[in-house]
Every structure is written in C-alpha cells, then in structure tokens.
C-alpha atoms as a PDB file:
ATOM      1  CA  MET A   1     102.564 162.921  47.463  1.00  0.00           C
ATOM      2  CA  ARG A   2     104.245 163.040  50.824  1.00  0.00           C
ATOM      3  CA  LEU A   3     104.657 159.922  52.948  1.00  0.00           C
ATOM      4  CA  ARG A   4     101.895 161.094  55.291  1.00  0.00           C
ATOM      5  CA  HIS A   5      99.589 161.562  52.285  1.00  0.00           C
ATOM      6  CA  ILE A   6     100.353 158.015  51.152  1.00  0.00           C
ATOM      7  CA  GLU A   7      99.653 156.606  54.620  1.00  0.00           C
ATOM      8  CA  ILE A   8      96.293 158.402  54.894  1.00  0.00           C
ATOM      9  CA  PHE A   9      95.245 157.576  51.321  1.00  0.00           C
ATOM     10  CA  HIS A  10      96.107 153.907  51.782  1.00  0.00           C
ATOM     11  CA  ALA A  11      94.222 153.704  55.084  1.00  0.00           C
ATOM     12  CA  ILE A  12      91.055 155.312  53.659  1.00  0.00           C
ATOM     13  CA  TYR A  13      91.175 153.237  50.462  1.00  0.00           C
ATOM     14  CA  THR A  14      91.560 149.927  52.335  1.00  0.00           C
ATOM     15  CA  THR A  15      89.133 150.638  55.200  1.00  0.00           C
ATOM     16  CA  GLY A  16      86.476 152.527  53.218  1.00  0.00           C
ATOM     17  CA  SER A  17      86.023 155.522  55.515  1.00  0.00           C
ATOM     18  CA  ILE A  18      87.763 158.338  57.326  1.00  0.00           C
ATOM     19  CA  THR A  19      86.437 157.000  60.648  1.00  0.00           C
ATOM     20  CA  ASN A  20      88.058 153.587  60.163  1.00  0.00           C
ATOM     21  CA  ALA A  21      91.263 155.128  58.829  1.00  0.00           C
ATOM     22  CA  ALA A  22      91.512 157.306  61.938  1.00  0.00           C
ATOM     23  CA  LYS A  23      91.069 154.255  64.166  1.00  0.00           C
ATOM     24  CA  ILE A  24      93.831 152.150  62.597  1.00  0.00           C
ATOM     25  CA  LEU A  25      96.200 155.129  62.486  1.00  0.00           C
ATOM     26  CA  HIS A  26      95.336 156.189  66.045  1.00  0.00           C
ATOM     27  CA  VAL A  27      94.644 159.794  65.069  1.00  0.00           C
ATOM     28  CA  SER A  28      91.560 162.032  65.027  1.00  0.00           C
ATOM     29  CA  GLN A  29      89.048 162.116  62.148  1.00  0.00           C
ATOM     30  CA  PRO A  30      89.608 165.857  61.526  1.00  0.00           C
ATOM     31  CA  SER A  31      93.340 165.154  61.189  1.00  0.00           C
ATOM     32  CA  VAL A  32      92.695 162.473  58.541  1.00  0.00           C
ATOM     33  CA  SER A  33      90.300 164.760  56.643  1.00  0.00           C
ATOM     34  CA  LYS A  34      92.825 167.613  56.703  1.00  0.00           C
ATOM     35  CA  VAL A  35      95.674 165.455  55.333  1.00  0.00           C
ATOM     36  CA  LEU A  36      93.405 163.999  52.630  1.00  0.00           C
ATOM     37  CA  SER A  37      92.334 167.495  51.513  1.00  0.00           C
ATOM     38  CA  HIS A  38      95.954 168.613  51.400  1.00  0.00           C
ATOM     39  CA  ALA A  39      96.928 165.570  49.313  1.00  0.00           C
ATOM     40  CA  GLU A  40      94.115 166.203  46.817  1.00  0.00           C
ATOM     41  CA  MET A  41      95.068 169.870  46.577  1.00  0.00           C
ATOM     42  CA  GLN A  42      98.697 169.006  45.782  1.00  0.00           C
ATOM     43  CA  LEU A  43      97.710 166.313  43.279  1.00  0.00           C
ATOM     44  CA  GLY A  44      95.182 168.544  41.521  1.00  0.00           C
ATOM     45  CA  PHE A  45      92.400 165.945  41.512  1.00  0.00           C
ATOM     46  CA  ASP A  46      90.057 164.226  43.937  1.00  0.00           C
ATOM     47  CA  LEU A  47      90.934 160.827  45.367  1.00  0.00           C
ATOM     48  CA  PHE A  48      87.468 160.010  46.672  1.00  0.00           C
ATOM     49  CA  GLU A  49      83.899 160.917  45.822  1.00  0.00           C
ATOM     50  CA  ARG A  50      81.777 161.817  48.797  1.00  0.00           C
ATOM     51  CA  VAL A  51      78.326 160.301  48.258  1.00  0.00           C
ATOM     52  CA  LYS A  52      75.816 160.206  51.138  1.00  0.00           C
ATOM     53  CA  GLY A  53      78.557 160.182  53.760  1.00  0.00           C
ATOM     54  CA  ARG A  54      80.526 157.400  52.053  1.00  0.00           C
ATOM     55  CA  LEU A  55      83.872 157.657  50.295  1.00  0.00           C
ATOM     56  CA  THR A  56      84.285 155.947  46.928  1.00  0.00           C
ATOM     57  CA  PRO A  57      87.706 155.917  45.179  1.00  0.00           C
ATOM     58  CA  THR A  58      87.781 157.956  41.979  1.00  0.00           C
ATOM     59  CA  ASP A  59      89.182 156.523  38.735  1.00  0.00           C
ATOM     60  CA  GLU A  60      92.350 158.514  39.418  1.00  0.00           C
ATOM     61  CA  ALA A  61      92.660 156.920  42.868  1.00  0.00           C
ATOM     62  CA  GLU A  62      92.228 153.455  41.345  1.00  0.00           C
ATOM     63  CA  MET A  63      95.067 154.131  38.919  1.00  0.00           C
ATOM     64  CA  LEU A  64      97.257 155.497  41.702  1.00  0.00           C
ATOM     65  CA  PHE A  65      96.636 152.827  44.324  1.00  0.00           C
ATOM     66  CA  ASP A  66      98.918 150.070  42.983  1.00  0.00           C
ATOM     67  CA  GLU A  67     101.926 152.378  43.072  1.00  0.00           C
ATOM     68  CA  VAL A  68     100.951 153.774  46.458  1.00  0.00           C
ATOM     69  CA  ASP A  69     100.560 150.246  47.840  1.00  0.00           C
ATOM     70  CA  LYS A  70     104.118 149.353  46.816  1.00  0.00           C
ATOM     71  CA  ILE A  71     105.474 152.352  48.716  1.00  0.00           C
ATOM     72  CA  TYR A  72     103.210 151.611  51.680  1.00  0.00           C
ATOM     73  CA  GLN A  73     104.526 148.039  51.916  1.00  0.00           C
ATOM     74  CA  GLN A  74     108.088 149.364  51.828  1.00  0.00           C
ATOM     75  CA  MET A  75     107.205 151.778  54.616  1.00  0.00           C
ATOM     76  CA  ARG A  76     105.860 148.892  56.693  1.00  0.00           C
ATOM     77  CA  SER A  77     109.030 146.925  56.015  1.00  0.00           C
ATOM     78  CA  ILE A  78     111.155 149.864  57.183  1.00  0.00           C
ATOM     79  CA  LYS A  79     109.030 150.207  60.314  1.00  0.00           C
ATOM     80  CA  ASN A  80     109.315 146.486  61.090  1.00  0.00           C
ATOM     81  CA  THR A  81     113.066 146.545  60.531  1.00  0.00           C
ATOM     82  CA  ALA A  82     113.400 149.548  62.845  1.00  0.00           C
ATOM     83  CA  GLU A  83     111.386 147.722  65.500  1.00  0.00           C
ATOM     84  CA  ASN A  84     113.612 144.654  65.147  1.00  0.00           C
ATOM     85  CA  ILE A  85     116.716 146.817  65.493  1.00  0.00           C
ATOM     86  CA  LYS A  86     115.207 148.398  68.606  1.00  0.00           C
ATOM     87  CA  LYS A  87     114.564 144.932  70.054  1.00  0.00           C
ATOM     88  CA  SER A  88     118.063 143.732  69.048  1.00  0.00           C
ATOM     89  CA  GLU A  89     116.496 141.213  66.688  1.00  0.00           C
ATOM     90  CA  TYR A  90     118.230 142.419  63.542  1.00  0.00           C
ATOM     91  CA  GLY A  91     121.713 143.581  62.606  1.00  0.00           C
ATOM     92  CA  GLN A  92     125.297 142.408  62.166  1.00  0.00           C
ATOM     93  CA  ILE A  93     128.110 141.994  64.659  1.00  0.00           C
ATOM     94  CA  ASN A  94     131.669 142.023  63.314  1.00  0.00           C
ATOM     95  CA  ILE A  95     134.217 140.633  65.767  1.00  0.00           C
ATOM     96  CA  ALA A  96     137.968 140.095  65.604  1.00  0.00           C
ATOM     97  CA  GLY A  97     139.681 138.153  68.346  1.00  0.00           C
ATOM     98  CA  SER A  98     142.716 136.171  69.339  1.00  0.00           C
ATOM     99  CA  PRO A  99     142.568 132.478  68.259  1.00  0.00           C
ATOM    100  CA  ALA A 100     142.910 131.519  71.921  1.00  0.00           C
ATOM    101  CA  LEU A 101     139.472 132.989  72.614  1.00  0.00           C
ATOM    102  CA  GLY A 102     137.999 130.893  69.810  1.00  0.00           C
ATOM    103  CA  PHE A 103     138.293 127.654  71.765  1.00  0.00           C
ATOM    104  CA  ASP A 104     135.472 128.346  74.165  1.00  0.00           C
ATOM    105  CA  VAL A 105     134.599 131.866  75.331  1.00  0.00           C
ATOM    106  CA  ILE A 106     133.624 133.603  72.080  1.00  0.00           C
ATOM    107  CA  PRO A 107     131.781 130.567  70.573  1.00  0.00           C
ATOM    108  CA  SER A 108     129.855 130.091  73.820  1.00  0.00           C
ATOM    109  CA  ALA A 109     128.827 133.773  73.975  1.00  0.00           C
ATOM    110  CA  ILE A 110     127.766 133.732  70.316  1.00  0.00           C
ATOM    111  CA  ALA A 111     125.723 130.557  70.792  1.00  0.00           C
ATOM    112  CA  LYS A 112     123.835 131.965  73.787  1.00  0.00           C
ATOM    113  CA  TYR A 113     123.157 135.256  71.999  1.00  0.00           C
ATOM    114  CA  HIS A 114     122.103 133.509  68.786  1.00  0.00           C
ATOM    115  CA  HIS A 115     119.538 131.365  70.614  1.00  0.00           C
ATOM    116  CA  LYS A 116     117.658 134.550  71.534  1.00  0.00           C
ATOM    117  CA  HIS A 117     118.383 136.674  68.457  1.00  0.00           C
ATOM    118  CA  HIS A 118     118.194 134.455  65.382  1.00  0.00           C
ATOM    119  CA  GLN A 119     118.220 137.284  62.831  1.00  0.00           C
ATOM    120  CA  VAL A 120     121.457 138.899  63.992  1.00  0.00           C
ATOM    121  CA  ASN A 121     124.360 137.987  61.700  1.00  0.00           C
ATOM    122  CA  PHE A 122     127.874 137.349  62.983  1.00  0.00           C
ATOM    123  CA  ASN A 123     131.169 137.795  61.177  1.00  0.00           C
ATOM    124  CA  VAL A 124     134.029 136.429  63.291  1.00  0.00           C
ATOM    125  CA  GLN A 125     137.728 136.754  62.479  1.00  0.00           C
ATOM    126  CA  THR A 126     140.427 135.045  64.544  1.00  0.00           C
ATOM    127  CA  VAL A 127     143.856 136.581  63.984  1.00  0.00           C
ATOM    128  CA  HIS A 128     146.994 137.204  66.019  1.00  0.00           C
ATOM    129  CA  ASN A 129     147.023 139.934  68.638  1.00  0.00           C
ATOM    130  CA  ASP A 130     148.658 142.700  66.565  1.00  0.00           C
ATOM    131  CA  ALA A 131     146.510 141.858  63.546  1.00  0.00           C
ATOM    132  CA  VAL A 132     143.375 142.142  65.693  1.00  0.00           C
ATOM    133  CA  MET A 133     144.207 145.765  66.472  1.00  0.00           C
ATOM    134  CA  GLN A 134     144.974 146.484  62.820  1.00  0.00           C
ATOM    135  CA  THR A 135     141.638 144.946  61.807  1.00  0.00           C
ATOM    136  CA  LEU A 136     139.861 147.337  64.173  1.00  0.00           C
ATOM    137  CA  LEU A 137     141.770 150.408  62.977  1.00  0.00           C
ATOM    138  CA  GLU A 138     140.978 149.527  59.352  1.00  0.00           C
ATOM    139  CA  HIS A 139     137.244 149.362  60.209  1.00  0.00           C
ATOM    140  CA  LYS A 140     137.116 145.655  59.306  1.00  0.00           C
ATOM    141  CA  CYS A 141     135.470 144.827  62.623  1.00  0.00           C
ATOM    142  CA  ASP A 142     133.283 146.644  65.138  1.00  0.00           C
ATOM    143  CA  LEU A 143     134.588 144.938  68.245  1.00  0.00           C
ATOM    144  CA  ALA A 144     138.091 143.600  68.944  1.00  0.00           C
ATOM    145  CA  ILE A 145     138.790 141.126  71.760  1.00  0.00           C
ATOM    146  CA  LEU A 146     142.439 140.684  72.648  1.00  0.00           C
ATOM    147  CA  PHE A 147     145.079 140.205  75.326  1.00  0.00           C
ATOM    148  CA  ALA A 148     146.824 143.116  77.061  1.00  0.00           C
ATOM    149  CA  PRO A 149     146.358 145.651  74.241  1.00  0.00           C
ATOM    150  CA  ASN A 150     148.446 148.807  74.136  1.00  0.00           C
ATOM    151  CA  VAL A 151     146.633 152.050  74.917  1.00  0.00           C
ATOM    152  CA  MET A 152     145.892 153.928  71.700  1.00  0.00           C
ATOM    153  CA  PRO A 153     144.251 157.314  71.095  1.00  0.00           C
ATOM    154  CA  GLY A 154     140.770 157.112  69.648  1.00  0.00           C
ATOM    155  CA  VAL A 155     140.203 153.563  70.939  1.00  0.00           C
ATOM    156  CA  THR A 156     137.932 152.759  73.877  1.00  0.00           C
ATOM    157  CA  SER A 157     138.778 149.673  75.920  1.00  0.00           C
ATOM    158  CA  ILE A 158     136.653 147.683  78.352  1.00  0.00           C
ATOM    159  CA  GLU A 159     138.257 145.095  80.600  1.00  0.00           C
ATOM    160  CA  LEU A 160     136.408 141.796  80.336  1.00  0.00           C
ATOM    161  CA  ALA A 161     138.564 139.598  82.554  1.00  0.00           C
ATOM    162  CA  GLN A 162     141.974 138.907  84.020  1.00  0.00           C
ATOM    163  CA  SER A 163     143.818 135.870  82.718  1.00  0.00           C
ATOM    164  CA  GLU A 164     147.338 134.492  83.076  1.00  0.00           C
ATOM    165  CA  LEU A 165     150.239 132.826  81.358  1.00  0.00           C
ATOM    166  CA  VAL A 166     150.559 129.183  82.348  1.00  0.00           C
ATOM    167  CA  ILE A 167     152.956 126.303  81.780  1.00  0.00           C
ATOM    168  CA  VAL A 168     151.705 123.303  79.840  1.00  0.00           C
ATOM    169  CA  TYR A 169     153.827 120.260  80.683  1.00  0.00           C
ATOM    170  CA  PRO A 170     153.782 116.475  80.176  1.00  0.00           C
ATOM    171  CA  LYS A 171     152.632 114.716  83.335  1.00  0.00           C
ATOM    172  CA  VAL A 172     155.669 112.436  83.166  1.00  0.00           C
ATOM    173  CA  SER A 173     157.877 115.489  83.754  1.00  0.00           C
ATOM    174  CA  PHE A 174     156.111 116.346  87.018  1.00  0.00           C
ATOM    175  CA  PRO A 175     154.304 113.184  88.204  1.00  0.00           C
ATOM    176  CA  ASP A 176     152.772 114.982  91.196  1.00  0.00           C
ATOM    177  CA  CYS A 177     151.076 117.444  88.777  1.00  0.00           C
ATOM    178  CA  PRO A 178     151.876 120.681  90.647  1.00  0.00           C
ATOM    179  CA  LYS A 179     149.465 123.593  90.240  1.00  0.00           C
ATOM    180  CA  GLU A 180     152.314 126.106  90.429  1.00  0.00           C
ATOM    181  CA  LEU A 181     155.839 126.166  88.995  1.00  0.00           C
ATOM    182  CA  THR A 182     158.720 128.624  88.819  1.00  0.00           C
ATOM    183  CA  LEU A 183     160.942 129.436  85.876  1.00  0.00           C
ATOM    184  CA  ASN A 184     163.837 127.828  87.719  1.00  0.00           C
ATOM    185  CA  GLN A 185     161.982 124.487  87.691  1.00  0.00           C
ATOM    186  CA  LEU A 186     161.666 124.618  83.895  1.00  0.00           C
ATOM    187  CA  LYS A 187     165.350 125.068  83.016  1.00  0.00           C
ATOM    188  CA  GLU A 188     166.115 121.378  82.543  1.00  0.00           C
ATOM    189  CA  PHE A 189     163.242 120.735  80.109  1.00  0.00           C
ATOM    190  CA  GLU A 190     163.068 121.329  76.369  1.00  0.00           C
ATOM    191  CA  TYR A 191     161.184 124.557  75.777  1.00  0.00           C
ATOM    192  CA  ILE A 192     158.856 125.288  72.860  1.00  0.00           C
ATOM    193  CA  ASP A 193     159.173 128.981  72.076  1.00  0.00           C
ATOM    194  CA  ILE A 194     156.178 130.975  70.830  1.00  0.00           C
ATOM    195  CA  GLY A 195     158.523 133.576  69.373  1.00  0.00           C
ATOM    196  CA  ASP A 196     157.351 137.155  68.926  1.00  0.00           C
ATOM    197  CA  SER A 197     153.840 136.921  70.355  1.00  0.00           C
ATOM    198  CA  GLY A 198     153.276 140.521  71.352  1.00  0.00           C
ATOM    199  CA  PRO A 199     152.542 141.737  74.879  1.00  0.00           C
ATOM    200  CA  LEU A 200     152.394 138.244  76.389  1.00  0.00           C
ATOM    201  CA  ALA A 201     155.904 137.472  75.134  1.00  0.00           C
ATOM    202  CA  ASP A 202     157.031 140.755  76.688  1.00  0.00           C
ATOM    203  CA  LEU A 203     155.405 139.731  79.968  1.00  0.00           C
ATOM    204  CA  LEU A 204     157.319 136.425  80.021  1.00  0.00           C
ATOM    205  CA  TRP A 205     160.579 138.045  78.920  1.00  0.00           C
ATOM    206  CA  THR A 206     160.337 140.594  81.752  1.00  0.00           C
ATOM    207  CA  ARG A 207     159.962 137.770  84.282  1.00  0.00           C
ATOM    208  CA  MET A 208     162.961 135.940  82.773  1.00  0.00           C
ATOM    209  CA  MET A 209     165.080 139.060  83.065  1.00  0.00           C
ATOM    210  CA  LYS A 210     163.984 139.596  86.645  1.00  0.00           C
ATOM    211  CA  ASP A 211     164.766 135.988  87.605  1.00  0.00           C
ATOM    212  CA  ASN A 212     167.937 135.965  85.455  1.00  0.00           C
ATOM    213  CA  ILE A 213     166.763 132.784  83.724  1.00  0.00           C
ATOM    214  CA  SER A 214     166.599 131.955  80.026  1.00  0.00           C
ATOM    215  CA  LEU A 215     164.909 128.979  78.409  1.00  0.00           C
ATOM    216  CA  GLU A 216     166.658 127.540  75.366  1.00  0.00           C
ATOM    217  CA  ALA A 217     164.353 126.468  72.544  1.00  0.00           C
ATOM    218  CA  LEU A 218     165.060 124.178  69.595  1.00  0.00           C
ATOM    219  CA  ILE A 219     161.466 124.469  68.376  1.00  0.00           C
ATOM    220  CA  LYS A 220     159.801 127.794  67.656  1.00  0.00           C
ATOM    221  CA  VAL A 221     156.193 128.221  66.548  1.00  0.00           C
ATOM    222  CA  GLN A 222     153.939 131.179  65.772  1.00  0.00           C
ATOM    223  CA  THR A 223     150.680 129.885  67.218  1.00  0.00           C
ATOM    224  CA  TYR A 224     149.948 129.059  70.847  1.00  0.00           C
ATOM    225  CA  PHE A 225     147.761 126.028  70.254  1.00  0.00           C
ATOM    226  CA  ILE A 226     150.455 124.349  68.111  1.00  0.00           C
ATOM    227  CA  ALA A 227     152.860 124.688  71.031  1.00  0.00           C
ATOM    228  CA  ALA A 228     150.285 123.088  73.349  1.00  0.00           C
ATOM    229  CA  ARG A 229     149.733 120.235  70.870  1.00  0.00           C
ATOM    230  CA  LEU A 230     153.485 119.622  70.662  1.00  0.00           C
ATOM    231  CA  VAL A 231     153.580 119.228  74.432  1.00  0.00           C
ATOM    232  CA  ALA A 232     150.838 116.626  74.093  1.00  0.00           C
ATOM    233  CA  GLN A 233     153.168 114.782  71.703  1.00  0.00           C
ATOM    234  CA  GLY A 234     155.805 114.665  74.431  1.00  0.00           C
ATOM    235  CA  VAL A 235     158.158 117.174  72.810  1.00  0.00           C
ATOM    236  CA  GLY A 236     158.692 119.506  75.772  1.00  0.00           C
ATOM    237  CA  ILE A 237     156.978 122.264  77.742  1.00  0.00           C
ATOM    238  CA  CYS A 238     155.474 125.584  76.649  1.00  0.00           C
ATOM    239  CA  VAL A 239     154.128 128.811  78.114  1.00  0.00           C
ATOM    240  CA  VAL A 240     150.758 129.931  76.772  1.00  0.00           C
ATOM    241  CA  ASP A 241     147.642 131.787  77.908  1.00  0.00           C
ATOM    242  CA  ARG A 242     145.217 129.833  80.073  1.00  0.00           C
ATOM    243  CA  PHE A 243     142.484 129.852  77.398  1.00  0.00           C
ATOM    244  CA  THR A 244     144.745 128.040  74.935  1.00  0.00           C
ATOM    245  CA  ALA A 245     146.034 125.684  77.605  1.00  0.00           C
ATOM    246  CA  GLU A 246     142.572 124.607  78.750  1.00  0.00           C
ATOM    247  CA  GLY A 247     141.308 124.371  75.159  1.00  0.00           C
ATOM    248  CA  ASN A 248     144.116 121.962  74.217  1.00  0.00           C
ATOM    249  CA  LEU A 249     144.565 119.922  77.363  1.00  0.00           C
ATOM    250  CA  SER A 250     145.091 116.182  76.801  1.00  0.00           C
ATOM    251  CA  ASP A 251     145.205 113.119  79.043  1.00  0.00           C
ATOM    252  CA  ASN A 252     148.994 113.210  79.260  1.00  0.00           C
ATOM    253  CA  THR A 253     149.431 116.964  79.904  1.00  0.00           C
ATOM    254  CA  ALA A 254     148.737 119.288  82.824  1.00  0.00           C
ATOM    255  CA  ILE A 255     148.677 123.026  83.531  1.00  0.00           C
ATOM    256  CA  ALA A 256     150.523 125.036  86.166  1.00  0.00           C
ATOM    257  CA  SER A 257     150.408 128.718  87.039  1.00  0.00           C
ATOM    258  CA  PHE A 258     153.595 130.680  87.575  1.00  0.00           C
ATOM    259  CA  ASN A 259     154.698 131.396  91.118  1.00  0.00           C
ATOM    260  CA  PRO A 260     154.198 134.317  91.439  1.00  0.00           C
ATOM    261  CA  PRO A 261     151.495 134.462  88.724  1.00  0.00           C
ATOM    262  CA  LEU A 262     151.903 136.262  85.400  1.00  0.00           C
ATOM    263  CA  THR A 263     148.543 137.938  84.868  1.00  0.00           C
ATOM    264  CA  PHE A 264     147.224 140.153  82.082  1.00  0.00           C
ATOM    265  CA  PRO A 265     143.883 141.748  81.135  1.00  0.00           C
ATOM    266  CA  VAL A 266     141.536 140.626  78.365  1.00  0.00           C
ATOM    267  CA  LYS A 267     139.871 143.658  76.816  1.00  0.00           C
ATOM    268  CA  ALA A 268     137.180 144.567  74.307  1.00  0.00           C
ATOM    269  CA  LEU A 269     138.073 147.506  72.069  1.00  0.00           C
ATOM    270  CA  TYR A 270     136.073 149.720  69.751  1.00  0.00           C
ATOM    271  CA  LEU A 271     136.716 152.986  67.920  1.00  0.00           C
ATOM    272  CA  GLU A 272     135.550 156.152  69.641  1.00  0.00           C
ATOM    273  CA  ASN A 273     134.431 157.714  66.354  1.00  0.00           C
ATOM    274  CA  LYS A 274     132.344 154.670  65.445  1.00  0.00           C
ATOM    275  CA  SER A 275     129.862 153.960  68.202  1.00  0.00           C
ATOM    276  CA  LEU A 276     128.807 150.375  68.790  1.00  0.00           C
ATOM    277  CA  SER A 277     125.467 149.303  67.362  1.00  0.00           C
ATOM    278  CA  LYS A 278     122.712 148.280  69.754  1.00  0.00           C
ATOM    279  CA  VAL A 279     123.228 144.595  68.939  1.00  0.00           C
ATOM    280  CA  SER A 280     126.997 144.876  69.496  1.00  0.00           C
ATOM    281  CA  GLN A 281     126.433 146.566  72.856  1.00  0.00           C
ATOM    282  CA  GLU A 282     124.055 143.813  73.899  1.00  0.00           C
ATOM    283  CA  PHE A 283     126.424 141.073  72.721  1.00  0.00           C
ATOM    284  CA  LEU A 284     129.200 142.708  74.752  1.00  0.00           C
ATOM    285  CA  SER A 285     127.159 142.053  77.899  1.00  0.00           C
ATOM    286  CA  TYR A 286     126.920 138.364  76.924  1.00  0.00           C
ATOM    287  CA  LEU A 287     130.676 138.283  76.399  1.00  0.00           C
ATOM    288  CA  THR A 288     131.313 139.892  79.785  1.00  0.00           C
ATOM    289  CA  THR A 289     129.082 137.301  81.464  1.00  0.00           C
ATOM    290  CA  GLU A 290     130.841 134.472  79.632  1.00  0.00           C
ATOM    291  CA  PHE A 291     134.265 135.633  80.790  1.00  0.00           C
ATOM    292  CA  SER A 292     132.930 135.987  84.331  1.00  0.00           C
ATOM    293  CA  ASP A 293     131.507 132.443  84.280  1.00  0.00           C
ATOM    294  CA  ASP A 294     134.696 131.064  82.714  1.00  0.00           C
ATOM    295  CA  SER A 295     136.847 132.503  85.485  1.00  0.00           C
ATOM    296  CA  LYS A 296     134.862 130.776  88.239  1.00  0.00           C
END
C-alpha cells in the first residue's frame, strides 16, 4: 500500500463513509473512491463491503487496520514535526563562541529565544577565538560567534556589532576614573599580559608599535576574565575586550577606552556549504538585536 492508500483507508475506516473521509481530508468524494479502488486492486482483496450505500470493513481490513494505524500515527507525527520546524518550534542550535560573549550577550539572547521556543535545543561551546573557528570548520557547530575573524574561503560572515579593547584598572591608580587613557599613561603600572590572544593581541601590538611603547608584564594569563579578576585583586592593569571588562567589573575597578579607540568587529560565521537551519536563522536575529541593545 502506498502512503496515500493508507491515508484514505484509515479515514474511511474511522469515519465510516467516503463522504466523511472526503470532508476530513479536504478532497472530493470521487477522488477518495478512486484511491480506494486502486488500493484494493493492488492488494488483491476488498477493504470494504458496500451494503445499501454503507461501507463495512471486511475481515481482511480488520486484520490490516492495526498495522495501518501504526503507520498513520507515524505520518501524523512527521507532519506535526514538520509544522513545528516551519514555525521554529523544534530543532537544535549548535553555537561556539568566545568566553567573553558568555558573560551576557549570548545567554541573554538564548533566554529570550527559549521563552518563545521551548522545544528548540541549544548546544553552546565557549572556546578561545582560534578554537571557535576550528570548531566551525570541523562541523562541530552551526554558528560561530567571535572577535575580528580572519576572512576564509567557504565561510560566510555577518557583522553583529563593533566592540573595542579597553583598559581595566584599579580606581586607586586613577582616582578621577578617566573614561579614556593612552598607552603612555599605562607605562608606570604593572601590566597583566594576555599573551597570544589572536587578532585582538595583534590589534594592541600594532598600536604599541605605532606609539613606540611596550608594556612589561610579570604575569601572563591565557584567559581575559582571569586578567580582569587579577586587576580586581589589585595586581595591576590589563587590556581586554569590553564584554569581558563589563562582565567582571568590581567595586574597586574601572574601565577606560583607548584614545584613540581600538575597535574591532564581532561577527557570526557559518559554512557556505552547510546552510543555516530555520531555527538558527531566527536565533541569529535575536543575537543581532541583543548586540544592538548591548551597545546602547
């Protein structure tokens, strides 16, 4: 039996007539009769006895119905799942992002999306910038969110926001809490070095070379938020992205932009040969809105 045969047989069996079956299937009565005849011809036996205008299931139909009903229920489940996918109410979103974005922006976007789409699953990985790109290329995520990514063939990028490198400093070092500082003003303070932190480290290094200034560091770390927490302990100053700085601000620390500012883009990336699912596309709009709100 074909799927259309199963659908027609099930409708007639459960409603008791071709007329009712046609109504619930939203098709014509002749169409139902034609499909039923074709099903019986292929099976080699009648499914219904036609007595005084009424259809009564044959013994063969009774034996067949339980199996047909199982398939029919599976068909309904497939249809419902397809409808949920269409309405963005079902699916999975796999994201990889920089830890800095895990303090506020990504969790906030996920929370707002989840409130409206409870059945969409999330898998979120927070890894360093270079590892984020590798995760995408290895198909371990659908969507990568990272800072100033390099242009790569086969990867589509969408700019979500502009951010900046900032200085996190103890308030005792600058009691007037300036909103802007220069590299020259940082020379006398102990510097916490982030080490090899990808494109943002390159951005800072370029400015140092331009200004002919170097910052000597006795402490080196691999993670931005650890540097910010060390500043809170009164160890020195550090240069991190604004997301990390604001996510780890304490009562005794403050944030200053560079003068002139050191800005960089935040981008969403996905593979060109693996199109984003409907739910991922919709979540991307939430993420864009969240970055827009965060920058205000």
